[in-house]
Amino acid sequence: MISEPPAGGVHELQWFKSSYSSNSSEADCVEVATTPATVHVRDSKNPPGPRLGFAPATWDAFLAYAAEN
């Protein structure tokens, strides 16, 4: 799901990058912020831009799949 950030809430999120994102271009990666109900994902090159939001179980399933492949 792609959505625009709602007024107020998303801007206070604590965003972080994966420790695997230490390549020569620090801006070329995604950032993740979590809340109890949602895992937010954004493009680090466009922080105010659109974000993806996933249920924690869906994000966990994606990470397990990505780790295997």
C-alpha atoms as a PDB file:
ATOM      1  CA  MET A   1       0.000   0.000   0.000  1.00  0.00           C
ATOM      2  CA  ILE A   2       1.392   3.411  -0.937  1.00  0.00           C
ATOM      3  CA  SER A   3       0.142   6.381   1.005  1.00  0.00           C
ATOM      4  CA  GLU A   4       0.930   9.983   1.696  1.00  0.00           C
ATOM      5  CA  PRO A   5       2.062  10.711   5.243  1.00  0.00           C
ATOM      6  CA  PRO A   6      -0.827  11.706   7.509  1.00  0.00           C
ATOM      7  CA  ALA A   7      -0.565  15.059   9.216  1.00  0.00           C
ATOM      8  CA  GLY A   8       1.237  14.802  12.518  1.00  0.00           C
ATOM      9  CA  GLY A   9       2.034  11.106  13.058  1.00  0.00           C
ATOM     10  CA  VAL A  10       4.595   9.914  10.513  1.00  0.00           C
ATOM     11  CA  HIS A  11       6.995  12.829  10.948  1.00  0.00           C
ATOM     12  CA  GLU A  12       7.771  11.768  14.531  1.00  0.00           C
ATOM     13  CA  LEU A  13       8.846   8.270  13.502  1.00  0.00           C
ATOM     14  CA  GLN A  14      12.408   7.133  14.184  1.00  0.00           C
ATOM     15  CA  TRP A  15      13.775   6.111  10.777  1.00  0.00           C
ATOM     16  CA  PHE A  16      16.773   3.818  10.372  1.00  0.00           C
ATOM     17  CA  LYS A  17      18.746   2.134   7.601  1.00  0.00           C
ATOM     18  CA  SER A  18      19.955  -1.430   7.498  1.00  0.00           C
ATOM     19  CA  SER A  19      23.516  -2.086   8.571  1.00  0.00           C
ATOM     20  CA  TYR A  20      23.892  -3.661   5.100  1.00  0.00           C
ATOM     21  CA  SER A  21      23.348  -0.221   3.505  1.00  0.00           C
ATOM     22  CA  SER A  22      26.944   0.899   3.925  1.00  0.00           C
ATOM     23  CA  ASN A  23      27.802   1.167   0.241  1.00  0.00           C
ATOM     24  CA  SER A  24      29.579   3.998  -1.564  1.00  0.00           C
ATOM     25  CA  SER A  25      26.339   5.955  -1.995  1.00  0.00           C
ATOM     26  CA  GLU A  26      24.796   6.346   1.455  1.00  0.00           C
ATOM     27  CA  ALA A  27      21.631   7.887  -0.021  1.00  0.00           C
ATOM     28  CA  ASP A  28      20.742   4.828  -2.123  1.00  0.00           C
ATOM     29  CA  CYS A  29      18.698   2.748   0.266  1.00  0.00           C
ATOM     30  CA  VAL A  30      15.407   2.465   2.029  1.00  0.00           C
ATOM     31  CA  GLU A  31      14.662   3.492   5.577  1.00  0.00           C
ATOM     32  CA  VAL A  32      12.300   1.762   7.988  1.00  0.00           C
ATOM     33  CA  ALA A  33      10.346   3.014  10.997  1.00  0.00           C
ATOM     34  CA  THR A  34       8.161   0.845  13.180  1.00  0.00           C
ATOM     35  CA  THR A  35       5.077   1.350  15.301  1.00  0.00           C
ATOM     36  CA  PRO A  36       3.124  -1.404  17.029  1.00  0.00           C
ATOM     37  CA  ALA A  37       0.628  -1.557  14.141  1.00  0.00           C
ATOM     38  CA  THR A  38       2.713  -0.663  11.078  1.00  0.00           C
ATOM     39  CA  VAL A  39       6.165  -0.982   9.540  1.00  0.00           C
ATOM     40  CA  HIS A  40       6.783   2.144   7.457  1.00  0.00           C
ATOM     41  CA  VAL A  41       9.234   2.085   4.529  1.00  0.00           C
ATOM     42  CA  ARG A  42      10.493   5.090   2.548  1.00  0.00           C
ATOM     43  CA  ASP A  43      13.127   5.988  -0.028  1.00  0.00           C
ATOM     44  CA  SER A  44      16.063   7.661   1.711  1.00  0.00           C
ATOM     45  CA  LYS A  45      16.532   9.984  -1.275  1.00  0.00           C
ATOM     46  CA  ASN A  46      12.987  11.380  -0.839  1.00  0.00           C
ATOM     47  CA  PRO A  47      12.102  11.426   2.888  1.00  0.00           C
ATOM     48  CA  PRO A  48       8.937  13.552   2.558  1.00  0.00           C
ATOM     49  CA  GLY A  49       7.697  11.469  -0.373  1.00  0.00           C
ATOM     50  CA  PRO A  50       5.329   8.507  -0.439  1.00  0.00           C
ATOM     51  CA  ARG A  51       5.778   5.648   1.989  1.00  0.00           C
ATOM     52  CA  LEU A  52       4.791   2.041   2.116  1.00  0.00           C
ATOM     53  CA  GLY A  53       3.036   0.672   5.169  1.00  0.00           C
ATOM     54  CA  PHE A  54       2.981  -3.019   6.103  1.00  0.00           C
ATOM     55  CA  ALA A  55       1.408  -5.020   8.889  1.00  0.00           C
ATOM     56  CA  PRO A  56       4.200  -6.378  11.104  1.00  0.00           C
ATOM     57  CA  ALA A  57       3.386  -9.993  10.169  1.00  0.00           C
ATOM     58  CA  THR A  58       3.612  -9.144   6.466  1.00  0.00           C
ATOM     59  CA  TRP A  59       6.965  -7.399   6.976  1.00  0.00           C
ATOM     60  CA  ASP A  60       8.280 -10.379   8.945  1.00  0.00           C
ATOM     61  CA  ALA A  61       7.240 -12.713   6.110  1.00  0.00           C
ATOM     62  CA  PHE A  62       8.999 -10.472   3.580  1.00  0.00           C
ATOM     63  CA  LEU A  63      12.208 -10.436   5.630  1.00  0.00           C
ATOM     64  CA  ALA A  64      12.172 -14.217   5.966  1.00  0.00           C
ATOM     65  CA  TYR A  65      11.699 -14.558   2.197  1.00  0.00           C
ATOM     66  CA  ALA A  66      14.455 -12.019   1.440  1.00  0.00           C
ATOM     67  CA  ALA A  67      16.876 -13.781   3.785  1.00  0.00           C
ATOM     68  CA  GLU A  68      16.331 -17.063   1.973  1.00  0.00           C
ATOM     69  CA  ASN A  69      16.748 -15.612  -1.502  1.00  0.00           C
END
